[in-house]
Amino acid sequence: MNKKWFWFLIVFVGGPLLVQYNHWSLGYRGSGDWLGFWGSYLGVVPSGLIAYLVAKYQIDNNKTLEEKKKFENSLPYAQIQYYQESYSGVFTYAIEYRIASYDGRPLMFKVFLNTKMADDTTSRHEIIGNKEDGLLNLNFSASASSYALEIIMFNGVKVFITDNNKEQEVIHMYKKEEDDNWKVYGVRPSQNALSESIENINKMITN
């Protein structure tokens, strides 16, 4: 038993028993007053415990939500635009990107832009210098259809920002080192777009 609970029971139950014992004469068996007192007194225990547990749950839950919100506000959000410049055999694109977080500059270690083409091939390009914004000029063998921005943070968190789904919804996801599940932050996407994006990203990582 926890020491705090042990001493709580000693004081809560032992105190009234000591008072009651000192008021008993030899051979006294108690009275209705004392029985009524113990009935109401001990009834406080379960109601008090329930109130304590409910309050503790609410405090812990609020703390968890605040920590999650603070963490997600530190993660990067991105905007990417593809501008096709040429139609002569080779597909030339000017790609404009901006990466930022709500609480300031994200601590990015490595950044990769994965571009999925219409022929289902994927081009992977590292953004050198971890710039928050810039313009890339890239040549592809086919027209670009979607993207997945892969960001590795200094704290080991992996982030994907992608529109790699049929609905073309932009989805922000992150995965910590100790967890294999992708978590969504930012705008909540439709379930179909989310599951499809996770499937496509997992293929992109393994390939």
N, C-alpha and C. Protein backbone atom coordinates (compact mmCIF):
# COMPACT_ATOMS: atom_id res chain seq x y z
N MET A 1 0.84 -1.20 0.00
CA MET A 1 0.00 0.00 0.00
C MET A 1 0.88 1.25 0.00
N ASN A 2 0.48 2.26 -0.76
CA ASN A 2 1.18 3.53 -0.78
C ASN A 2 1.19 4.16 0.61
N LYS A 3 2.33 4.73 1.00
CA LYS A 3 2.47 5.31 2.36
C LYS A 3 1.45 6.42 2.61
N LYS A 4 1.16 7.21 1.57
CA LYS A 4 0.19 8.29 1.73
C LYS A 4 -1.19 7.75 2.08
N TRP A 5 -1.59 6.66 1.37
CA TRP A 5 -2.89 6.05 1.64
C TRP A 5 -2.90 5.41 3.03
N PHE A 6 -1.79 4.83 3.44
CA PHE A 6 -1.69 4.19 4.75
C PHE A 6 -1.94 5.21 5.86
N TRP A 7 -1.25 6.34 5.81
CA TRP A 7 -1.40 7.35 6.84
C TRP A 7 -2.76 8.05 6.74
N PHE A 8 -3.30 8.12 5.54
CA PHE A 8 -4.64 8.67 5.39
C PHE A 8 -5.66 7.81 6.14
N LEU A 9 -5.58 6.49 5.97
CA LEU A 9 -6.50 5.59 6.66
C LEU A 9 -6.30 5.62 8.16
N ILE A 10 -5.04 5.73 8.60
CA ILE A 10 -4.77 5.80 10.04
C ILE A 10 -5.44 7.02 10.66
N VAL A 11 -5.29 8.18 10.01
CA VAL A 11 -5.86 9.41 10.55
C VAL A 11 -7.37 9.42 10.38
N PHE A 12 -7.84 9.02 9.18
CA PHE A 12 -9.27 9.13 8.87
C PHE A 12 -10.12 8.17 9.70
N VAL A 13 -9.62 6.95 9.88
CA VAL A 13 -10.39 5.94 10.63
C VAL A 13 -9.93 5.86 12.07
N GLY A 14 -8.61 5.91 12.27
CA GLY A 14 -8.07 5.75 13.63
C GLY A 14 -8.44 6.88 14.56
N GLY A 15 -8.49 8.13 14.04
CA GLY A 15 -8.82 9.28 14.89
C GLY A 15 -10.19 9.16 15.54
N PRO A 16 -11.26 8.99 14.78
CA PRO A 16 -12.59 8.84 15.39
C PRO A 16 -12.69 7.60 16.29
N LEU A 17 -12.03 6.51 15.94
CA LEU A 17 -12.06 5.32 16.80
C LEU A 17 -11.43 5.61 18.16
N LEU A 18 -10.32 6.37 18.15
CA LEU A 18 -9.66 6.71 19.40
C LEU A 18 -10.56 7.57 20.27
N VAL A 19 -11.24 8.55 19.64
CA VAL A 19 -12.17 9.41 20.39
C VAL A 19 -13.31 8.58 20.95
N GLN A 20 -13.85 7.70 20.11
CA GLN A 20 -14.98 6.88 20.53
C GLN A 20 -14.57 5.93 21.66
N TYR A 21 -13.40 5.34 21.56
CA TYR A 21 -12.91 4.39 22.56
C TYR A 21 -12.74 5.07 23.91
N ASN A 22 -12.25 6.31 23.91
CA ASN A 22 -12.04 7.03 25.17
C ASN A 22 -13.35 7.41 25.84
N HIS A 23 -14.46 7.43 25.10
CA HIS A 23 -15.76 7.76 25.67
C HIS A 23 -16.56 6.53 26.10
N TRP A 24 -16.02 5.34 25.80
CA TRP A 24 -16.71 4.11 26.19
C TRP A 24 -16.32 3.71 27.61
N SER A 25 -17.32 3.32 28.37
CA SER A 25 -17.01 2.72 29.67
C SER A 25 -16.88 1.22 29.49
N LEU A 26 -16.35 0.53 30.48
CA LEU A 26 -16.12 -0.90 30.39
C LEU A 26 -17.43 -1.64 30.12
N GLY A 27 -17.43 -2.45 29.07
CA GLY A 27 -18.60 -3.23 28.71
C GLY A 27 -19.59 -2.49 27.83
N TYR A 28 -19.29 -1.27 27.44
CA TYR A 28 -20.19 -0.48 26.60
C TYR A 28 -20.15 -1.00 25.16
N ARG A 29 -21.29 -1.16 24.54
CA ARG A 29 -21.37 -1.74 23.18
C ARG A 29 -21.68 -0.71 22.09
N GLY A 30 -21.67 0.52 22.39
CA GLY A 30 -21.93 1.53 21.36
C GLY A 30 -23.38 1.99 21.41
N SER A 31 -23.71 3.00 20.62
CA SER A 31 -25.06 3.54 20.60
C SER A 31 -25.45 3.88 19.18
N GLY A 32 -26.72 4.19 19.02
CA GLY A 32 -27.20 4.55 17.69
C GLY A 32 -26.55 5.80 17.17
N ASP A 33 -26.19 6.74 18.04
CA ASP A 33 -25.53 7.96 17.60
C ASP A 33 -24.20 7.65 16.93
N TRP A 34 -23.42 6.78 17.55
CA TRP A 34 -22.11 6.44 16.98
C TRP A 34 -22.26 5.65 15.68
N LEU A 35 -23.26 4.78 15.62
CA LEU A 35 -23.48 4.03 14.38
C LEU A 35 -23.89 4.96 13.25
N GLY A 36 -24.74 5.94 13.58
CA GLY A 36 -25.13 6.92 12.56
C GLY A 36 -23.95 7.75 12.11
N PHE A 37 -23.09 8.11 13.09
CA PHE A 37 -21.89 8.88 12.75
C PHE A 37 -21.00 8.11 11.79
N TRP A 38 -20.74 6.82 12.12
CA TRP A 38 -19.86 6.02 11.26
C TRP A 38 -20.47 5.80 9.87
N GLY A 39 -21.78 5.67 9.82
CA GLY A 39 -22.41 5.49 8.52
C GLY A 39 -22.20 6.70 7.61
N SER A 40 -22.43 7.90 8.16
CA SER A 40 -22.25 9.11 7.36
C SER A 40 -20.78 9.43 7.15
N TYR A 41 -19.96 9.17 8.18
CA TYR A 41 -18.52 9.49 8.09
C TYR A 41 -17.82 8.65 7.03
N LEU A 42 -18.08 7.33 7.07
CA LEU A 42 -17.44 6.46 6.09
C LEU A 42 -18.03 6.62 4.70
N GLY A 43 -19.23 7.16 4.62
CA GLY A 43 -19.82 7.41 3.30
C GLY A 43 -19.09 8.50 2.53
N VAL A 44 -18.35 9.32 3.26
CA VAL A 44 -17.58 10.38 2.61
C VAL A 44 -16.43 9.80 1.78
N VAL A 45 -15.91 8.62 2.19
CA VAL A 45 -14.72 8.05 1.55
C VAL A 45 -14.94 7.77 0.07
N PRO A 46 -15.96 6.96 -0.31
CA PRO A 46 -16.12 6.70 -1.74
C PRO A 46 -16.44 7.94 -2.57
N SER A 47 -17.29 8.84 -2.02
CA SER A 47 -17.62 10.04 -2.77
C SER A 47 -16.40 10.94 -2.92
N GLY A 48 -15.58 11.02 -1.87
CA GLY A 48 -14.36 11.81 -1.94
C GLY A 48 -13.36 11.24 -2.93
N LEU A 49 -13.23 9.90 -2.93
CA LEU A 49 -12.31 9.25 -3.86
C LEU A 49 -12.75 9.46 -5.30
N ILE A 50 -14.06 9.35 -5.55
CA ILE A 50 -14.58 9.55 -6.90
C ILE A 50 -14.30 10.97 -7.38
N ALA A 51 -14.57 11.96 -6.50
CA ALA A 51 -14.32 13.36 -6.86
C ALA A 51 -12.84 13.58 -7.14
N TYR A 52 -11.96 12.97 -6.33
CA TYR A 52 -10.52 13.11 -6.52
C TYR A 52 -10.07 12.50 -7.85
N LEU A 53 -10.56 11.29 -8.15
CA LEU A 53 -10.17 10.60 -9.38
C LEU A 53 -10.65 11.34 -10.62
N VAL A 54 -11.89 11.87 -10.55
CA VAL A 54 -12.42 12.63 -11.69
C VAL A 54 -11.59 13.90 -11.92
N ALA A 55 -11.28 14.60 -10.83
CA ALA A 55 -10.48 15.83 -10.96
C ALA A 55 -9.09 15.52 -11.48
N LYS A 56 -8.48 14.44 -10.98
CA LYS A 56 -7.14 14.06 -11.43
C LYS A 56 -7.14 13.69 -12.90
N TYR A 57 -8.17 12.95 -13.35
CA TYR A 57 -8.28 12.57 -14.75
C TYR A 57 -8.39 13.81 -15.64
N GLN A 58 -9.22 14.77 -15.23
CA GLN A 58 -9.39 15.99 -16.02
C GLN A 58 -8.10 16.79 -16.10
N ILE A 59 -7.39 16.89 -14.97
CA ILE A 59 -6.13 17.65 -14.95
C ILE A 59 -5.09 16.97 -15.83
N ASP A 60 -4.96 15.63 -15.70
CA ASP A 60 -3.98 14.88 -16.50
C ASP A 60 -4.32 14.95 -17.98
N ASN A 61 -5.63 14.84 -18.29
CA ASN A 61 -6.06 14.88 -19.69
C ASN A 61 -5.80 16.26 -20.31
N ASN A 62 -6.09 17.31 -19.57
CA ASN A 62 -5.83 18.67 -20.06
C ASN A 62 -4.34 18.90 -20.26
N LYS A 63 -3.54 18.36 -19.34
CA LYS A 63 -2.08 18.51 -19.45
C LYS A 63 -1.57 17.80 -20.70
N THR A 64 -2.09 16.59 -20.95
CA THR A 64 -1.69 15.82 -22.14
C THR A 64 -2.07 16.56 -23.42
N LEU A 65 -3.29 17.10 -23.46
CA LEU A 65 -3.75 17.84 -24.64
C LEU A 65 -2.91 19.10 -24.87
N GLU A 66 -2.54 19.79 -23.79
CA GLU A 66 -1.73 20.99 -23.92
C GLU A 66 -0.34 20.65 -24.44
N GLU A 67 0.24 19.56 -23.91
CA GLU A 67 1.56 19.14 -24.37
C GLU A 67 1.53 18.72 -25.84
N LYS A 68 0.46 18.02 -26.24
CA LYS A 68 0.31 17.60 -27.63
C LYS A 68 0.17 18.82 -28.55
N LYS A 69 -0.64 19.77 -28.13
CA LYS A 69 -0.85 20.98 -28.93
C LYS A 69 0.45 21.77 -29.06
N LYS A 70 1.18 21.90 -27.96
CA LYS A 70 2.46 22.62 -27.99
C LYS A 70 3.45 21.94 -28.92
N PHE A 71 3.50 20.60 -28.85
CA PHE A 71 4.41 19.84 -29.71
C PHE A 71 4.04 20.00 -31.18
N GLU A 72 2.76 19.86 -31.49
CA GLU A 72 2.32 19.95 -32.89
C GLU A 72 2.49 21.35 -33.46
N ASN A 73 2.39 22.38 -32.61
CA ASN A 73 2.61 23.74 -33.08
C ASN A 73 4.08 24.00 -33.44
N SER A 74 4.97 23.14 -32.92
CA SER A 74 6.39 23.28 -33.24
C SER A 74 6.77 22.52 -34.50
N LEU A 75 5.85 21.69 -35.02
CA LEU A 75 6.13 20.92 -36.23
C LEU A 75 5.95 21.79 -37.48
N PRO A 76 6.62 21.43 -38.57
CA PRO A 76 6.55 22.25 -39.78
C PRO A 76 5.26 22.08 -40.57
N TYR A 77 4.81 23.18 -41.14
CA TYR A 77 3.72 23.21 -42.12
C TYR A 77 4.33 23.69 -43.43
N ALA A 78 3.79 23.24 -44.54
CA ALA A 78 4.40 23.59 -45.81
C ALA A 78 3.38 23.90 -46.89
N GLN A 79 3.79 24.73 -47.82
CA GLN A 79 3.04 25.02 -49.04
C GLN A 79 3.96 24.76 -50.22
N ILE A 80 3.50 24.01 -51.20
CA ILE A 80 4.31 23.69 -52.37
C ILE A 80 3.49 23.93 -53.63
N GLN A 81 4.10 24.60 -54.59
CA GLN A 81 3.45 24.86 -55.87
C GLN A 81 4.38 24.42 -57.00
N TYR A 82 3.82 23.66 -57.96
CA TYR A 82 4.57 23.22 -59.14
C TYR A 82 4.14 24.06 -60.34
N TYR A 83 5.12 24.64 -61.03
CA TYR A 83 4.84 25.43 -62.23
C TYR A 83 5.56 24.78 -63.40
N GLN A 84 4.78 24.24 -64.34
CA GLN A 84 5.39 23.60 -65.50
C GLN A 84 5.81 24.67 -66.51
N GLU A 85 7.09 24.60 -66.93
CA GLU A 85 7.63 25.65 -67.79
C GLU A 85 7.85 25.19 -69.23
N SER A 86 7.94 23.88 -69.46
CA SER A 86 8.25 23.42 -70.81
C SER A 86 7.44 22.17 -71.14
N TYR A 87 7.13 21.99 -72.43
CA TYR A 87 6.39 20.82 -72.88
C TYR A 87 7.19 20.03 -73.93
N SER A 88 8.46 20.33 -74.10
CA SER A 88 9.26 19.73 -75.17
C SER A 88 9.98 18.46 -74.69
N GLY A 89 9.28 17.36 -74.67
CA GLY A 89 9.89 16.07 -74.34
C GLY A 89 10.20 15.92 -72.86
N VAL A 90 11.02 16.79 -72.33
CA VAL A 90 11.38 16.76 -70.91
C VAL A 90 10.45 17.71 -70.17
N PHE A 91 9.94 17.24 -69.03
CA PHE A 91 9.01 18.06 -68.24
C PHE A 91 9.83 18.90 -67.25
N THR A 92 9.88 20.19 -67.48
CA THR A 92 10.64 21.10 -66.64
C THR A 92 9.68 21.82 -65.69
N TYR A 93 10.04 21.84 -64.41
CA TYR A 93 9.17 22.45 -63.40
C TYR A 93 9.95 23.44 -62.54
N ALA A 94 9.30 24.52 -62.23
CA ALA A 94 9.76 25.43 -61.17
C ALA A 94 8.89 25.13 -59.95
N ILE A 95 9.54 24.75 -58.87
CA ILE A 95 8.80 24.33 -57.67
C ILE A 95 9.06 25.32 -56.55
N GLU A 96 8.01 25.98 -56.11
CA GLU A 96 8.12 26.97 -55.04
C GLU A 96 7.65 26.32 -53.73
N TYR A 97 8.44 26.48 -52.68
CA TYR A 97 8.07 25.87 -51.40
C TYR A 97 8.29 26.85 -50.25
N ARG A 98 7.47 26.68 -49.22
CA ARG A 98 7.62 27.43 -47.97
C ARG A 98 7.39 26.45 -46.81
N ILE A 99 8.29 26.47 -45.85
CA ILE A 99 8.19 25.58 -44.69
C ILE A 99 8.29 26.44 -43.43
N ALA A 100 7.33 26.32 -42.54
CA ALA A 100 7.34 27.10 -41.29
C ALA A 100 6.53 26.38 -40.23
N SER A 101 6.66 26.82 -38.99
CA SER A 101 5.84 26.28 -37.91
C SER A 101 5.12 27.43 -37.21
N TYR A 102 4.11 27.11 -36.40
CA TYR A 102 3.33 28.14 -35.75
C TYR A 102 4.13 28.88 -34.68
N ASP A 103 5.07 28.19 -34.04
CA ASP A 103 5.79 28.82 -32.92
C ASP A 103 7.20 29.27 -33.29
N GLY A 104 7.51 29.36 -34.58
CA GLY A 104 8.83 29.82 -34.99
C GLY A 104 9.48 28.88 -35.98
N ARG A 105 10.78 28.95 -36.07
CA ARG A 105 11.52 28.18 -37.06
C ARG A 105 11.60 26.71 -36.65
N PRO A 106 11.16 25.78 -37.50
CA PRO A 106 11.28 24.35 -37.16
C PRO A 106 12.74 23.90 -37.21
N LEU A 107 13.12 23.02 -36.29
CA LEU A 107 14.50 22.53 -36.23
C LEU A 107 14.63 21.33 -37.16
N MET A 108 14.89 21.63 -38.44
CA MET A 108 14.96 20.58 -39.45
C MET A 108 16.39 20.10 -39.63
N PHE A 109 16.54 18.78 -39.70
CA PHE A 109 17.86 18.18 -39.91
C PHE A 109 18.08 17.87 -41.40
N LYS A 110 17.10 17.20 -42.00
CA LYS A 110 17.15 16.90 -43.43
C LYS A 110 15.76 17.08 -44.03
N VAL A 111 15.73 17.53 -45.28
CA VAL A 111 14.46 17.75 -45.97
C VAL A 111 14.57 17.14 -47.37
N PHE A 112 13.59 16.31 -47.73
CA PHE A 112 13.54 15.70 -49.06
C PHE A 112 12.19 15.97 -49.69
N LEU A 113 12.22 16.28 -50.97
CA LEU A 113 10.99 16.44 -51.74
C LEU A 113 10.82 15.24 -52.66
N ASN A 114 9.78 14.47 -52.41
CA ASN A 114 9.46 13.31 -53.25
C ASN A 114 8.33 13.70 -54.20
N THR A 115 8.61 13.66 -55.50
CA THR A 115 7.60 14.01 -56.50
C THR A 115 7.14 12.75 -57.22
N LYS A 116 5.84 12.53 -57.20
CA LYS A 116 5.27 11.37 -57.88
C LYS A 116 4.79 11.81 -59.26
N MET A 117 5.23 11.07 -60.28
CA MET A 117 4.87 11.41 -61.65
C MET A 117 3.64 10.64 -62.12
N ALA A 118 3.14 11.05 -63.28
CA ALA A 118 1.94 10.42 -63.84
C ALA A 118 2.18 8.96 -64.21
N ASP A 119 3.45 8.58 -64.47
CA ASP A 119 3.75 7.18 -64.82
C ASP A 119 4.08 6.34 -63.58
N ASP A 120 3.76 6.87 -62.37
CA ASP A 120 3.96 6.19 -61.09
C ASP A 120 5.42 6.08 -60.66
N THR A 121 6.33 6.72 -61.36
CA THR A 121 7.70 6.80 -60.88
C THR A 121 7.81 7.94 -59.86
N THR A 122 8.87 7.89 -59.05
CA THR A 122 9.05 8.90 -58.01
C THR A 122 10.44 9.51 -58.09
N SER A 123 10.52 10.81 -58.02
CA SER A 123 11.80 11.51 -58.00
C SER A 123 12.03 12.04 -56.58
N ARG A 124 13.24 11.83 -56.06
CA ARG A 124 13.57 12.26 -54.70
C ARG A 124 14.67 13.31 -54.78
N HIS A 125 14.41 14.48 -54.19
CA HIS A 125 15.36 15.58 -54.25
C HIS A 125 15.57 16.16 -52.85
N GLU A 126 16.83 16.24 -52.41
CA GLU A 126 17.13 16.81 -51.10
C GLU A 126 17.22 18.33 -51.21
N ILE A 127 16.55 19.00 -50.27
CA ILE A 127 16.63 20.46 -50.21
C ILE A 127 17.85 20.81 -49.37
N ILE A 128 18.90 21.26 -50.03
CA ILE A 128 20.16 21.53 -49.36
C ILE A 128 20.06 22.79 -48.50
N GLY A 129 20.64 22.72 -47.31
CA GLY A 129 20.66 23.89 -46.44
C GLY A 129 19.43 24.06 -45.59
N ASN A 130 18.46 23.16 -45.75
CA ASN A 130 17.23 23.21 -44.95
C ASN A 130 16.58 24.59 -44.97
N LYS A 131 16.54 25.20 -46.15
CA LYS A 131 15.93 26.52 -46.27
C LYS A 131 14.43 26.45 -46.03
N GLU A 132 13.90 27.48 -45.39
CA GLU A 132 12.47 27.52 -45.11
C GLU A 132 11.65 27.86 -46.34
N ASP A 133 12.24 28.54 -47.30
CA ASP A 133 11.53 28.83 -48.54
C ASP A 133 12.53 28.93 -49.68
N GLY A 134 12.05 28.69 -50.88
CA GLY A 134 12.94 28.73 -52.03
C GLY A 134 12.25 28.30 -53.29
N LEU A 135 13.02 28.25 -54.38
CA LEU A 135 12.50 27.86 -55.67
C LEU A 135 13.43 26.81 -56.28
N LEU A 136 12.88 25.65 -56.65
CA LEU A 136 13.66 24.58 -57.26
C LEU A 136 13.31 24.49 -58.75
N ASN A 137 14.31 24.20 -59.56
CA ASN A 137 14.08 23.94 -60.98
C ASN A 137 14.50 22.51 -61.27
N LEU A 138 13.52 21.66 -61.57
CA LEU A 138 13.80 20.23 -61.75
C LEU A 138 13.21 19.74 -63.07
N ASN A 139 13.90 18.74 -63.65
CA ASN A 139 13.41 18.09 -64.87
C ASN A 139 12.94 16.68 -64.54
N PHE A 140 11.78 16.33 -65.05
CA PHE A 140 11.21 15.01 -64.82
C PHE A 140 10.95 14.31 -66.15
N SER A 141 10.86 12.98 -66.07
CA SER A 141 10.60 12.19 -67.27
C SER A 141 9.11 12.15 -67.62
N ALA A 142 8.28 12.57 -66.71
CA ALA A 142 6.83 12.60 -66.94
C ALA A 142 6.26 13.78 -66.16
N SER A 143 4.99 14.07 -66.38
CA SER A 143 4.38 15.20 -65.68
C SER A 143 4.18 14.87 -64.21
N ALA A 144 4.33 15.87 -63.34
CA ALA A 144 4.18 15.69 -61.90
C ALA A 144 2.70 15.59 -61.54
N SER A 145 2.38 14.65 -60.63
CA SER A 145 0.98 14.47 -60.23
C SER A 145 0.75 14.79 -58.75
N SER A 146 1.74 14.55 -57.90
CA SER A 146 1.59 14.82 -56.47
C SER A 146 2.96 14.85 -55.82
N TYR A 147 2.99 15.22 -54.53
CA TYR A 147 4.26 15.32 -53.82
C TYR A 147 4.15 14.78 -52.40
N ALA A 148 5.30 14.48 -51.81
CA ALA A 148 5.40 14.15 -50.39
C ALA A 148 6.68 14.78 -49.87
N LEU A 149 6.54 15.75 -49.00
CA LEU A 149 7.69 16.42 -48.40
C LEU A 149 8.10 15.64 -47.15
N GLU A 150 9.31 15.15 -47.15
CA GLU A 150 9.81 14.35 -46.03
C GLU A 150 10.79 15.18 -45.22
N ILE A 151 10.51 15.36 -43.94
CA ILE A 151 11.35 16.18 -43.07
C ILE A 151 11.79 15.36 -41.87
N ILE A 152 13.09 15.33 -41.63
CA ILE A 152 13.64 14.67 -40.45
C ILE A 152 14.08 15.76 -39.48
N MET A 153 13.49 15.76 -38.28
CA MET A 153 13.79 16.79 -37.30
C MET A 153 15.03 16.42 -36.49
N PHE A 154 15.62 17.41 -35.82
CA PHE A 154 16.79 17.16 -34.99
C PHE A 154 16.47 16.26 -33.80
N ASN A 155 15.22 16.27 -33.35
CA ASN A 155 14.82 15.41 -32.22
C ASN A 155 14.42 14.01 -32.65
N GLY A 156 14.62 13.67 -33.93
CA GLY A 156 14.33 12.32 -34.41
C GLY A 156 12.93 12.13 -34.96
N VAL A 157 12.07 13.13 -34.82
CA VAL A 157 10.71 13.03 -35.34
C VAL A 157 10.73 13.10 -36.86
N LYS A 158 9.96 12.22 -37.51
CA LYS A 158 9.84 12.23 -38.96
C LYS A 158 8.50 12.85 -39.34
N VAL A 159 8.54 13.77 -40.28
CA VAL A 159 7.34 14.49 -40.70
C VAL A 159 7.12 14.29 -42.19
N PHE A 160 5.86 14.05 -42.57
CA PHE A 160 5.49 14.01 -43.99
C PHE A 160 4.35 14.98 -44.23
N ILE A 161 4.52 15.79 -45.27
CA ILE A 161 3.45 16.68 -45.70
C ILE A 161 3.18 16.33 -47.15
N THR A 162 1.97 15.90 -47.45
CA THR A 162 1.71 15.31 -48.76
C THR A 162 0.31 15.59 -49.27
N ASP A 163 0.20 15.62 -50.59
CA ASP A 163 -1.11 15.59 -51.24
C ASP A 163 -1.19 14.32 -52.08
N ASN A 164 -0.45 13.31 -51.64
CA ASN A 164 -0.29 12.07 -52.41
C ASN A 164 -1.52 11.17 -52.23
N ASN A 165 -2.67 11.64 -52.67
CA ASN A 165 -3.91 10.86 -52.58
C ASN A 165 -4.87 11.35 -53.66
N LYS A 166 -5.86 10.55 -53.96
CA LYS A 166 -6.80 10.88 -55.05
C LYS A 166 -7.59 12.15 -54.78
N GLU A 167 -7.90 12.41 -53.50
CA GLU A 167 -8.66 13.62 -53.18
C GLU A 167 -7.80 14.87 -53.22
N GLN A 168 -6.47 14.70 -53.34
CA GLN A 168 -5.53 15.82 -53.37
C GLN A 168 -5.62 16.69 -52.12
N GLU A 169 -5.97 16.07 -50.99
CA GLU A 169 -5.97 16.80 -49.72
C GLU A 169 -4.54 16.89 -49.19
N VAL A 170 -4.15 18.05 -48.71
CA VAL A 170 -2.82 18.21 -48.11
C VAL A 170 -2.89 17.68 -46.67
N ILE A 171 -2.04 16.71 -46.36
CA ILE A 171 -2.07 16.03 -45.07
C ILE A 171 -0.72 16.19 -44.38
N HIS A 172 -0.76 16.56 -43.11
CA HIS A 172 0.44 16.67 -42.28
C HIS A 172 0.47 15.50 -41.30
N MET A 173 1.57 14.75 -41.31
CA MET A 173 1.70 13.60 -40.41
C MET A 173 3.08 13.60 -39.76
N TYR A 174 3.17 13.01 -38.57
CA TYR A 174 4.47 12.86 -37.92
C TYR A 174 4.54 11.50 -37.24
N LYS A 175 5.76 11.06 -37.03
CA LYS A 175 6.00 9.78 -36.36
C LYS A 175 7.24 9.91 -35.49
N LYS A 176 7.09 9.61 -34.20
CA LYS A 176 8.23 9.65 -33.29
C LYS A 176 9.00 8.33 -33.34
N GLU A 177 10.22 8.37 -32.83
CA GLU A 177 11.09 7.19 -32.91
C GLU A 177 10.51 5.99 -32.18
N GLU A 178 9.83 6.26 -31.04
CA GLU A 178 9.33 5.15 -30.23
C GLU A 178 7.95 4.67 -30.68
N ASP A 179 7.41 5.25 -31.73
CA ASP A 179 6.06 4.91 -32.18
C ASP A 179 6.06 4.69 -33.69
N ASP A 180 5.47 3.58 -34.13
CA ASP A 180 5.43 3.26 -35.55
C ASP A 180 4.20 3.81 -36.26
N ASN A 181 3.29 4.40 -35.51
CA ASN A 181 2.03 4.88 -36.10
C ASN A 181 2.14 6.34 -36.53
N TRP A 182 1.58 6.63 -37.70
CA TRP A 182 1.54 8.02 -38.17
C TRP A 182 0.42 8.76 -37.45
N LYS A 183 0.72 9.96 -36.96
CA LYS A 183 -0.28 10.81 -36.31
C LYS A 183 -0.50 12.04 -37.18
N VAL A 184 -1.74 12.49 -37.24
CA VAL A 184 -2.11 13.62 -38.08
C VAL A 184 -2.11 14.90 -37.24
N TYR A 185 -1.62 15.98 -37.82
CA TYR A 185 -1.75 17.28 -37.17
C TYR A 185 -2.18 18.31 -38.21
N GLY A 186 -2.68 19.43 -37.72
CA GLY A 186 -3.22 20.43 -38.65
C GLY A 186 -4.66 20.09 -39.00
N VAL A 187 -5.02 20.26 -40.25
CA VAL A 187 -6.39 20.01 -40.71
C VAL A 187 -6.65 18.51 -40.75
N ARG A 188 -7.77 18.10 -40.19
CA ARG A 188 -8.13 16.68 -40.16
C ARG A 188 -8.63 16.24 -41.54
N PRO A 189 -7.93 15.30 -42.20
CA PRO A 189 -8.34 14.90 -43.55
C PRO A 189 -9.44 13.84 -43.51
N SER A 190 -10.00 13.54 -44.67
CA SER A 190 -10.95 12.43 -44.76
C SER A 190 -10.21 11.12 -44.56
N GLN A 191 -10.91 10.10 -44.08
CA GLN A 191 -10.28 8.82 -43.77
C GLN A 191 -9.71 8.16 -45.01
N ASN A 192 -10.40 8.26 -46.14
CA ASN A 192 -9.90 7.67 -47.39
C ASN A 192 -8.58 8.29 -47.82
N ALA A 193 -8.52 9.62 -47.77
CA ALA A 193 -7.29 10.32 -48.16
C ALA A 193 -6.15 9.99 -47.22
N LEU A 194 -6.46 9.88 -45.91
CA LEU A 194 -5.42 9.58 -44.92
C LEU A 194 -4.84 8.19 -45.13
N SER A 195 -5.71 7.18 -45.24
CA SER A 195 -5.23 5.80 -45.40
C SER A 195 -4.46 5.63 -46.71
N GLU A 196 -4.94 6.29 -47.77
CA GLU A 196 -4.25 6.19 -49.06
C GLU A 196 -2.88 6.87 -49.00
N SER A 197 -2.81 8.01 -48.33
CA SER A 197 -1.55 8.74 -48.23
C SER A 197 -0.52 7.94 -47.42
N ILE A 198 -0.95 7.33 -46.33
CA ILE A 198 -0.04 6.52 -45.51
C ILE A 198 0.48 5.33 -46.32
N GLU A 199 -0.41 4.70 -47.08
CA GLU A 199 0.01 3.57 -47.92
C GLU A 199 1.04 4.00 -48.96
N ASN A 200 0.79 5.13 -49.61
CA ASN A 200 1.71 5.63 -50.62
C ASN A 200 3.05 6.04 -50.02
N ILE A 201 3.01 6.65 -48.86
CA ILE A 201 4.25 7.08 -48.19
C ILE A 201 5.08 5.88 -47.79
N ASN A 202 4.44 4.85 -47.24
CA ASN A 202 5.18 3.65 -46.86
C ASN A 202 5.85 2.99 -48.08
N LYS A 203 5.18 3.03 -49.21
CA LYS A 203 5.79 2.51 -50.44
C LYS A 203 6.98 3.37 -50.84
N MET A 204 6.82 4.67 -50.67
CA MET A 204 7.86 5.62 -51.07
C MET A 204 9.11 5.44 -50.20
N ILE A 205 8.90 5.14 -48.93
CA ILE A 205 10.03 4.97 -48.00
C ILE A 205 10.80 3.70 -48.30
N THR A 206 10.07 2.61 -48.58
CA THR A 206 10.71 1.32 -48.79
C THR A 206 11.40 1.23 -50.15
N ASN A 207 10.93 2.03 -51.13
CA ASN A 207 11.50 1.94 -52.47
C ASN A 207 12.83 2.67 -52.60
